[in-house]
Protein backbone atom coordinates (compact mmCIF):
# COMPACT_ATOMS: atom_id res chain seq x y z
CA MET A 1 41.00 -18.53 -3.43
CA SER A 2 37.47 -17.47 -4.36
CA LEU A 3 34.76 -16.50 -1.92
CA ASN A 4 32.63 -19.35 -3.25
CA SER A 5 35.24 -21.92 -2.22
CA VAL A 6 35.55 -20.41 1.27
CA LEU A 7 31.87 -19.98 2.15
CA GLY A 8 30.21 -22.29 -0.34
CA LEU A 9 27.80 -21.23 -3.07
CA ASP A 10 24.70 -22.19 -1.06
CA LEU A 11 25.65 -19.84 1.77
CA ILE A 12 26.42 -17.04 -0.69
CA LEU A 13 22.97 -17.41 -2.24
CA GLU A 14 21.39 -17.24 1.21
CA VAL A 15 23.20 -13.94 1.78
CA LEU A 16 21.79 -12.66 -1.49
CA ASP A 17 18.32 -13.62 -0.28
CA CYS A 18 18.87 -11.42 2.78
CA LEU A 19 19.81 -8.48 0.55
CA CYS A 20 16.52 -8.71 -1.33
CA VAL A 21 14.11 -6.03 -0.13
CA PRO A 22 11.01 -7.86 1.13
CA ILE A 23 7.74 -7.27 -0.70
CA HIS A 24 6.05 -5.85 2.38
CA PHE A 25 8.69 -3.15 2.92
CA HIS A 26 7.73 0.37 1.89
CA GLN A 27 8.73 0.81 -1.75
CA ARG A 28 10.04 4.34 -1.21
CA SER A 29 12.78 2.87 0.98
CA CYS A 30 13.87 0.14 -1.44
CA ASP A 31 17.60 0.08 -2.20
CA LEU A 32 18.59 -2.66 -4.61
CA SER A 33 22.03 -1.23 -5.46
CA VAL A 34 23.98 -3.84 -3.46
CA LEU A 35 21.99 -6.70 -4.95
CA SER A 36 22.44 -5.20 -8.41
CA ALA A 37 26.22 -5.07 -7.88
CA CYS A 38 26.22 -8.71 -6.74
CA SER A 39 24.54 -9.74 -9.98
CA LEU A 40 27.68 -8.57 -11.85
CA VAL A 41 30.31 -10.28 -9.68
CA CYS A 42 30.45 -13.74 -11.24
CA LYS A 43 28.40 -16.15 -13.31
CA GLU A 44 27.59 -18.35 -10.30
CA TRP A 45 25.91 -15.47 -8.47
CA SER A 46 24.33 -13.70 -11.41
CA PRO A 47 21.22 -15.85 -12.16
CA HIS A 48 20.07 -15.93 -8.55
CA ALA A 49 20.73 -12.22 -8.02
CA GLN A 50 18.91 -11.28 -11.23
CA ARG A 51 15.91 -13.34 -10.22
CA LEU A 52 15.77 -11.49 -6.90
CA LEU A 53 16.12 -8.14 -8.66
CA PHE A 54 13.11 -8.97 -10.82
CA ARG A 55 11.07 -10.02 -7.81
CA ARG A 56 10.01 -6.39 -7.42
CA VAL A 57 10.20 -4.13 -10.48
CA ILE A 58 9.75 -0.36 -10.21
CA LEU A 59 9.62 1.69 -13.43
CA PRO A 60 11.14 4.19 -13.80
CA ASN A 61 13.69 2.87 -11.31
CA ASN A 62 14.37 6.37 -9.93
CA ILE A 63 10.73 7.32 -9.45
CA TYR A 64 11.14 7.57 -5.66
CA SER A 65 14.81 8.53 -5.32
CA HIS A 66 14.43 11.48 -7.75
CA PRO A 67 10.71 12.28 -7.80
CA HIS A 68 11.21 15.82 -9.11
CA SER A 69 13.44 14.96 -12.08
CA ARG A 70 10.98 13.11 -14.27
CA GLY A 71 10.17 15.46 -17.12
CA GLY A 72 12.78 14.07 -19.53
CA ALA A 73 12.30 10.43 -18.65
CA GLN A 74 11.79 7.96 -21.47
CA ASN A 75 9.27 5.19 -21.64
CA PRO A 76 10.87 2.32 -19.66
CA LEU A 77 8.51 -0.39 -20.93
CA PRO A 78 10.36 -1.40 -24.15
CA SER A 79 13.57 -2.33 -22.34
CA PHE A 80 11.61 -4.20 -19.67
CA LEU A 81 9.69 -6.16 -22.31
CA ALA A 82 12.99 -7.07 -23.96
CA ALA A 83 14.24 -8.46 -20.64
CA ILE A 84 11.15 -10.66 -20.14
CA ASP A 85 10.99 -11.89 -23.74
CA THR A 86 9.15 -15.21 -23.45
CA ASP A 87 10.81 -16.50 -26.64
CA THR A 88 14.01 -17.01 -24.62
CA GLU A 89 14.61 -19.23 -21.60
CA ARG A 90 16.17 -16.37 -19.64
CA GLY A 91 13.27 -14.06 -20.46
CA ARG A 92 10.75 -16.65 -19.31
CA TRP A 93 12.34 -17.25 -15.93
CA LEU A 94 12.79 -13.52 -15.34
CA ALA A 95 9.12 -12.97 -16.19
CA GLU A 96 8.17 -15.75 -13.79
CA SER A 97 10.22 -14.06 -11.06
CA VAL A 98 8.16 -10.84 -10.98
CA LEU A 99 5.80 -10.70 -8.00
CA SER A 100 5.40 -6.91 -7.73
CA PHE A 101 5.32 -4.44 -10.63
CA THR A 102 5.13 -0.65 -10.35
CA LEU A 103 4.69 1.58 -13.41
CA ARG A 104 4.30 5.29 -12.81
CA HIS A 105 3.69 8.16 -15.22
CA THR A 106 6.89 10.17 -15.65
CA GLY A 107 5.84 13.48 -17.12
CA ARG A 108 3.17 15.09 -19.25
CA SER A 109 5.26 14.67 -22.40
CA LEU A 110 5.29 10.88 -22.13
CA THR A 111 2.90 8.98 -24.37
CA ALA A 112 1.51 6.12 -22.33
CA ASP A 113 1.68 2.75 -24.07
CA SER A 114 -1.30 0.74 -22.87
CA PRO A 115 -0.67 -2.16 -25.32
CA ALA A 116 2.88 -2.52 -23.98
CA LEU A 117 1.61 -2.71 -20.39
CA ALA A 118 -0.95 -5.34 -21.43
CA THR A 119 1.84 -7.37 -23.06
CA ALA A 120 3.91 -7.16 -19.87
CA LEU A 121 0.98 -8.29 -17.72
CA LEU A 122 0.31 -11.26 -19.98
CA ARG A 123 3.96 -12.33 -19.69
CA MET A 124 4.13 -12.29 -15.85
CA PRO A 125 2.19 -15.35 -14.66
CA ASN A 126 3.21 -15.04 -11.00
CA LEU A 127 2.49 -11.32 -10.62
CA ARG A 128 0.62 -10.63 -7.39
CA HIS A 129 0.88 -6.85 -6.88
CA LEU A 130 0.39 -4.13 -9.50
CA ASP A 131 0.90 -0.41 -8.81
CA VAL A 132 -0.06 1.65 -11.86
CA THR A 133 -1.43 5.00 -13.00
CA THR A 134 -4.61 5.14 -15.07
CA ILE A 135 -2.97 6.70 -18.13
CA PHE A 136 -1.32 3.33 -18.88
CA CYS A 137 -4.53 1.33 -18.50
CA ASP A 138 -6.86 2.53 -21.24
CA PHE A 139 -7.22 -0.96 -22.72
CA ASP A 140 -9.49 -1.70 -25.67
CA SER A 141 -12.22 -4.34 -25.43
CA GLU A 142 -10.15 -7.10 -27.04
CA THR A 143 -7.26 -6.51 -24.65
CA LEU A 144 -9.61 -6.54 -21.69
CA LEU A 145 -10.88 -9.97 -22.75
CA ARG A 146 -7.32 -11.33 -23.07
CA LEU A 147 -6.31 -9.97 -19.68
CA ARG A 148 -9.43 -11.36 -18.06
CA SER A 149 -8.85 -14.84 -19.47
CA SER A 150 -5.04 -15.09 -19.52
CA GLY A 151 -3.72 -12.30 -17.30
CA PRO A 152 -2.18 -12.68 -13.84
CA ARG A 153 -4.29 -13.48 -10.81
CA LEU A 154 -3.55 -10.34 -8.85
CA THR A 155 -4.14 -10.28 -5.11
CA SER A 156 -3.09 -6.63 -4.67
CA LEU A 157 -3.73 -3.54 -6.81
CA ALA A 158 -2.82 0.13 -6.32
CA VAL A 159 -4.32 2.46 -8.92
CA THR A 160 -3.57 6.18 -9.10
CA GLN A 161 -5.39 8.88 -11.06
CA ASP A 162 -3.00 10.89 -13.20
CA PHE A 163 -3.52 13.04 -16.26
CA ALA A 164 -6.78 11.63 -17.56
CA PRO A 165 -8.56 14.40 -19.51
CA SER A 166 -11.78 14.11 -17.57
CA VAL A 167 -13.26 12.73 -14.38
CA GLY A 168 -15.43 10.39 -16.44
CA GLN A 169 -12.50 8.89 -18.32
CA HIS A 170 -10.51 8.30 -15.15
CA THR A 171 -13.48 6.69 -13.45
CA ARG A 172 -14.15 4.43 -16.43
CA ILE A 173 -10.52 3.27 -16.63
CA MET A 174 -10.25 2.68 -12.91
CA HIS A 175 -13.50 0.73 -12.69
CA ARG A 176 -12.60 -1.49 -15.65
CA LEU A 177 -9.14 -2.15 -14.25
CA VAL A 178 -10.37 -3.14 -10.79
CA SER A 179 -13.03 -5.40 -12.28
CA LEU A 180 -10.37 -7.28 -14.25
CA PHE A 181 -9.06 -9.01 -11.14
CA PRO A 182 -11.73 -10.85 -9.10
CA THR A 183 -8.96 -12.41 -6.97
CA LEU A 184 -8.04 -9.09 -5.31
CA LYS A 185 -7.63 -9.04 -1.55
CA ILE A 186 -5.85 -5.68 -1.21
CA LEU A 187 -6.90 -2.52 -3.06
CA GLU A 188 -5.58 1.05 -2.90
CA ILE A 189 -7.25 3.90 -4.80
CA THR A 190 -5.51 7.27 -5.02
CA SER A 191 -7.33 10.16 -6.66
CA GLU A 192 -6.35 13.80 -7.06
CA LEU A 193 -9.66 14.60 -8.71
CA LYS A 194 -11.69 17.37 -7.13
CA SER A 195 -14.74 15.13 -6.90
CA GLU A 196 -16.26 12.37 -4.83
CA LEU A 197 -15.44 8.74 -5.63
CA ALA A 198 -18.15 7.35 -7.88
CA PRO A 199 -19.52 3.93 -6.91
CA PHE A 200 -19.11 1.03 -9.33
CA GLU A 201 -22.15 0.71 -11.57
CA SER A 202 -21.36 -2.99 -12.08
CA PRO A 203 -20.19 -4.16 -8.63
CA PRO A 204 -17.12 -6.43 -8.92
CA ASN A 205 -18.12 -8.23 -5.68
CA LEU A 206 -14.58 -8.53 -4.35
CA ALA A 207 -13.59 -10.35 -1.17
CA LEU A 208 -11.29 -7.51 -0.08
CA GLU A 209 -9.53 -7.71 3.26
CA CYS A 210 -7.60 -4.43 3.00
CA VAL A 211 -8.84 -1.20 1.35
CA ARG A 212 -7.01 2.14 1.20
CA PHE A 213 -8.52 5.38 -0.12
CA ASN A 214 -6.24 8.39 -0.60
CA THR A 215 -8.42 11.16 -2.01
CA ALA A 216 -8.31 14.86 -2.76
CA ILE A 217 -11.65 15.88 -1.32
CA ALA A 218 -13.85 12.76 -0.95
CA ALA A 219 -15.05 12.55 2.64
CA ASP A 220 -17.79 9.96 2.19
CA ILE A 221 -16.40 6.69 0.76
CA SER A 222 -19.30 4.53 1.90
CA LEU A 223 -21.06 4.17 -1.49
CA CYS A 224 -17.83 3.37 -3.36
CA LEU A 225 -16.75 0.86 -0.72
CA ALA A 226 -20.16 -0.83 -0.65
CA SER A 227 -20.12 -1.18 -4.44
CA LEU A 228 -16.73 -2.92 -4.29
CA LEU A 229 -17.37 -5.59 -1.69
CA ASP A 230 -19.06 -8.95 -1.95
CA PRO A 231 -21.71 -8.87 0.82
CA GLU A 232 -21.49 -12.66 1.12
CA ALA A 233 -17.70 -12.97 1.13
CA GLU A 234 -16.29 -15.46 3.64
CA SER A 235 -13.24 -13.25 4.33
CA PRO A 236 -14.37 -9.94 5.90
CA LEU A 237 -12.78 -6.51 5.55
CA GLN A 238 -9.98 -6.25 8.13
CA VAL A 239 -8.09 -3.05 7.22
CA LEU A 240 -9.66 0.29 6.27
CA TRP A 241 -7.53 3.37 5.54
CA HIS A 242 -9.00 6.66 4.38
CA LYS A 243 -7.45 10.11 4.20
CA SER A 244 -8.58 13.19 2.34
CA LYS A 245 -6.09 15.93 1.53
CA ALA A 246 -8.81 18.51 1.99
CA GLY A 247 -8.95 17.67 5.66
CA HIS A 248 -12.70 17.10 5.71
CA PRO A 249 -13.72 14.67 8.47
CA SER A 250 -14.38 11.17 7.16
CA VAL A 251 -18.06 10.23 7.16
CA LEU A 252 -17.79 6.72 8.54
CA ALA A 253 -20.59 6.04 10.97
CA GLY A 254 -22.36 3.72 8.52
CA ILE A 255 -19.16 1.93 7.51
CA LEU A 256 -18.10 1.26 11.11
CA ALA A 257 -21.59 0.05 11.96
CA THR A 258 -21.44 -2.44 9.05
CA HIS A 259 -17.82 -3.61 9.21
CA GLY A 260 -16.68 -2.62 12.69
CA LYS A 261 -16.92 -6.05 14.30
CA HIS A 262 -14.42 -7.45 11.77
CA LEU A 263 -11.98 -4.54 11.45
CA ARG A 264 -8.51 -5.07 12.89
CA SER A 265 -6.97 -1.81 11.68
CA ILE A 266 -8.48 1.56 10.77
CA ALA A 267 -6.78 4.81 9.76
CA PHE A 268 -8.38 8.22 9.24
CA LYS A 269 -7.16 11.78 8.99
CA SER A 270 -10.06 13.01 11.07
CA LEU A 271 -13.52 11.77 12.00
CA ASP A 272 -16.94 13.32 12.02
CA SER A 273 -18.54 13.55 15.47
CA GLU A 274 -21.03 10.79 14.69
CA ALA A 275 -18.24 8.28 14.05
CA CYS A 276 -16.91 8.27 17.62
CA THR A 277 -19.75 6.17 19.02
CA PRO A 278 -19.47 3.35 16.41
CA LEU A 279 -15.79 2.93 17.37
CA HIS A 280 -17.08 0.96 20.34
CA GLN A 281 -18.39 -1.63 17.87
CA CYS A 282 -14.84 -2.39 16.69
CA SER A 283 -14.56 -5.21 19.20
CA ILE A 284 -11.37 -6.79 17.79
CA LEU A 285 -9.57 -3.62 16.69
CA GLU A 286 -5.80 -3.92 17.04
CA ARG A 287 -4.54 -0.71 15.46
CA PHE A 288 -5.98 2.80 15.25
CA GLU A 289 -4.32 5.58 13.23
CA TYR A 290 -5.47 9.17 13.46
CA GLY A 291 -4.00 11.90 11.28
CA ARG A 292 -4.22 14.49 14.05
CA TYR A 293 -3.66 14.70 17.75
CA PRO A 294 -6.74 12.87 19.11
CA SER A 295 -9.36 14.59 21.20
CA ALA A 296 -10.54 13.24 24.51
CA ASP A 297 -13.70 11.91 22.81
CA ILE A 298 -11.66 9.91 20.28
CA LEU A 299 -9.42 8.44 22.97
CA ALA A 300 -12.37 7.54 25.16
CA ALA A 301 -14.09 5.73 22.28
CA LEU A 302 -11.17 3.40 21.51
CA PRO A 303 -11.83 -0.25 22.38
CA ASN A 304 -9.47 -1.80 24.93
CA THR A 305 -8.25 -4.34 22.34
CA ILE A 306 -5.88 -1.74 20.81
CA THR A 307 -2.24 -2.90 20.62
CA ALA A 308 -0.93 -0.08 18.38
CA LEU A 309 -1.90 3.59 18.28
CA ALA A 310 -0.63 6.04 15.64
CA ILE A 311 -1.20 9.78 16.00
CA SER A 312 0.18 12.91 14.37
CA GLY A 313 0.70 16.59 14.88
CA ILE A 314 0.65 19.04 17.74
CA PRO A 315 -1.77 18.97 20.68
CA GLU A 316 -4.21 21.81 21.15
CA PRO A 317 -2.96 24.50 23.52
CA THR A 318 -5.29 23.29 26.23
CA ALA A 319 -4.22 19.65 25.90
CA ARG A 320 -1.73 18.14 28.30
CA ILE A 321 0.28 15.01 27.70
CA GLY A 322 -1.00 13.73 31.02
CA LEU A 323 -4.47 13.40 29.46
CA LEU A 324 -2.99 11.22 26.73
CA GLU A 325 -1.18 9.07 29.29
CA GLY A 326 -4.38 8.61 31.27
CA ALA A 327 -6.18 7.45 28.13
CA LEU A 328 -3.38 5.04 27.21
CA ARG A 329 -3.49 3.48 30.66
CA ARG A 330 -7.01 2.36 29.82
CA LEU A 331 -5.63 0.30 26.91
CA PRO A 332 -4.08 -2.72 28.66
CA ARG A 333 -2.87 -4.37 25.43
CA LEU A 334 -1.15 -1.29 23.98
CA ARG A 335 2.42 -2.06 22.91
CA VAL A 336 3.32 0.60 20.31
CA LEU A 337 2.72 4.35 20.08
CA THR A 338 3.65 5.94 16.75
CA TRP A 339 3.75 9.74 16.87
CA SER A 340 4.60 11.27 13.51
CA LEU A 341 5.54 14.96 13.44
CA CYS A 342 5.96 14.84 17.19
CA PRO A 343 6.84 18.43 18.21
CA ALA A 344 10.17 18.93 19.95
CA PRO A 345 8.71 20.14 23.28
CA PHE A 346 6.75 16.90 23.59
CA ALA A 347 9.40 14.42 22.40
CA SER A 348 11.12 13.94 25.75
CA LEU A 349 7.79 13.89 27.58
CA ALA A 350 6.53 11.21 25.17
CA GLU A 351 9.63 9.12 25.79
CA GLN A 352 9.15 9.34 29.56
CA MET A 353 5.47 8.51 29.26
CA CYS A 354 6.11 5.44 27.08
CA ARG A 355 8.83 4.28 29.45
CA ARG A 356 6.38 4.39 32.35
CA LEU A 357 3.75 2.56 30.34
CA GLU A 358 6.26 0.04 28.93
CA VAL A 359 5.16 1.02 25.43
CA GLN A 360 7.46 1.31 22.41
CA LEU A 361 7.61 4.82 20.92
CA ARG A 362 8.16 5.23 17.16
CA VAL A 363 8.85 8.62 15.60
CA SER A 364 11.27 8.00 12.70
CA ALA A 365 10.03 8.38 9.10
CA THR A 366 10.64 4.72 8.19
CA GLU A 367 8.88 3.45 11.30
CA VAL A 368 5.90 5.69 10.66
CA MET A 369 5.59 4.37 7.08
CA ASP A 370 5.80 0.69 7.95
CA ASP A 371 4.41 0.18 11.42
CA ASN A 372 0.99 -1.22 10.42
CA ALA A 373 1.56 -4.82 11.45
CA VAL A 374 -1.95 -5.92 10.43
CA GLU A 375 -1.58 -4.64 6.87
CA LEU A 376 1.95 -6.06 6.58
CA GLU A 377 0.62 -9.44 7.69
CA LEU A 378 -1.90 -9.41 4.85
CA ARG A 379 0.71 -8.27 2.32
CA ARG A 380 3.04 -11.09 3.32
CA LYS A 381 0.17 -13.53 3.02
CA TYR A 382 -1.13 -12.44 -0.37
CA ILE A 383 1.90 -11.02 -2.18
CA ARG A 384 5.00 -12.80 -0.95
CA ILE A 385 4.70 -16.37 -2.28
């Protein structure tokens, strides 16, 4: 007796739906092996399982599980294009299944195939999220026109600087790529360049609700951000995330003064002293993430609307956890404290403190990656259709 006859095919397909990693879940934690195995069990399961597998495509498929073994990787685009061949019925419905597509550079020896990526984008009508490195996106003028007129209507884009020969070339590619998609609501820019982020000379006037900057040294993102946004957009900026690997304090006083009253979530590695006062203007702020252990000034500046606080690192020698508890007691809506890299001597004290405050404590790696409820809400809204 088959499993289909016992449980019924409809119930089996619902189980497969549960195995599908949701779009909003952190891509580094995706494990599609069980779903992949289910696609090979029988012909009744296979079409549905394959459609779910193509819902989120990551190329190369081991880019996160084996990040240090990429030098000999081959270009994965040809085999993917063969799978979504629009001349076949199966290829068309697989292409229509793709909502999220990640294509990462896999080694300096790889020749990036920008025409192949353009072909893939033109074949995926329902694509909502694209995560790509700039080396794949050096499109010629004719391709840019085709993508602008017939490409997908992306709502989310993550673009990463890779091995572009010069700062100018990377900037040009990134600016042209972002401007291709006026429907964007979520944008992430990652740059390893040892330079500031150049503002867009031709502002794309985007109605962005979530912006993430992950930079090497750029501390002041105000000009780049201002050149991205539509000043008359009906949907305001709700999530702002900025971290510089150099550790320079973010220069954000002007940004918070302009967008603070609409921001629901902000994340910074560290702040300049002038940015503490404008935090009071964030009158609806729900989540605050700080890449260090916060000072008394930072804690005092937080609005009492905070429901989630994320901090990191080790307190200064003079700091006591009692000072943190006193500050948290002034946040009546606080429900979650995320403490990444929480040092062992403070772990038990943090647990006791959160128990007294009736606040959930999160310290695991997965929880730290995916605890931004505001950003996940926007990703579910604009990516998962």
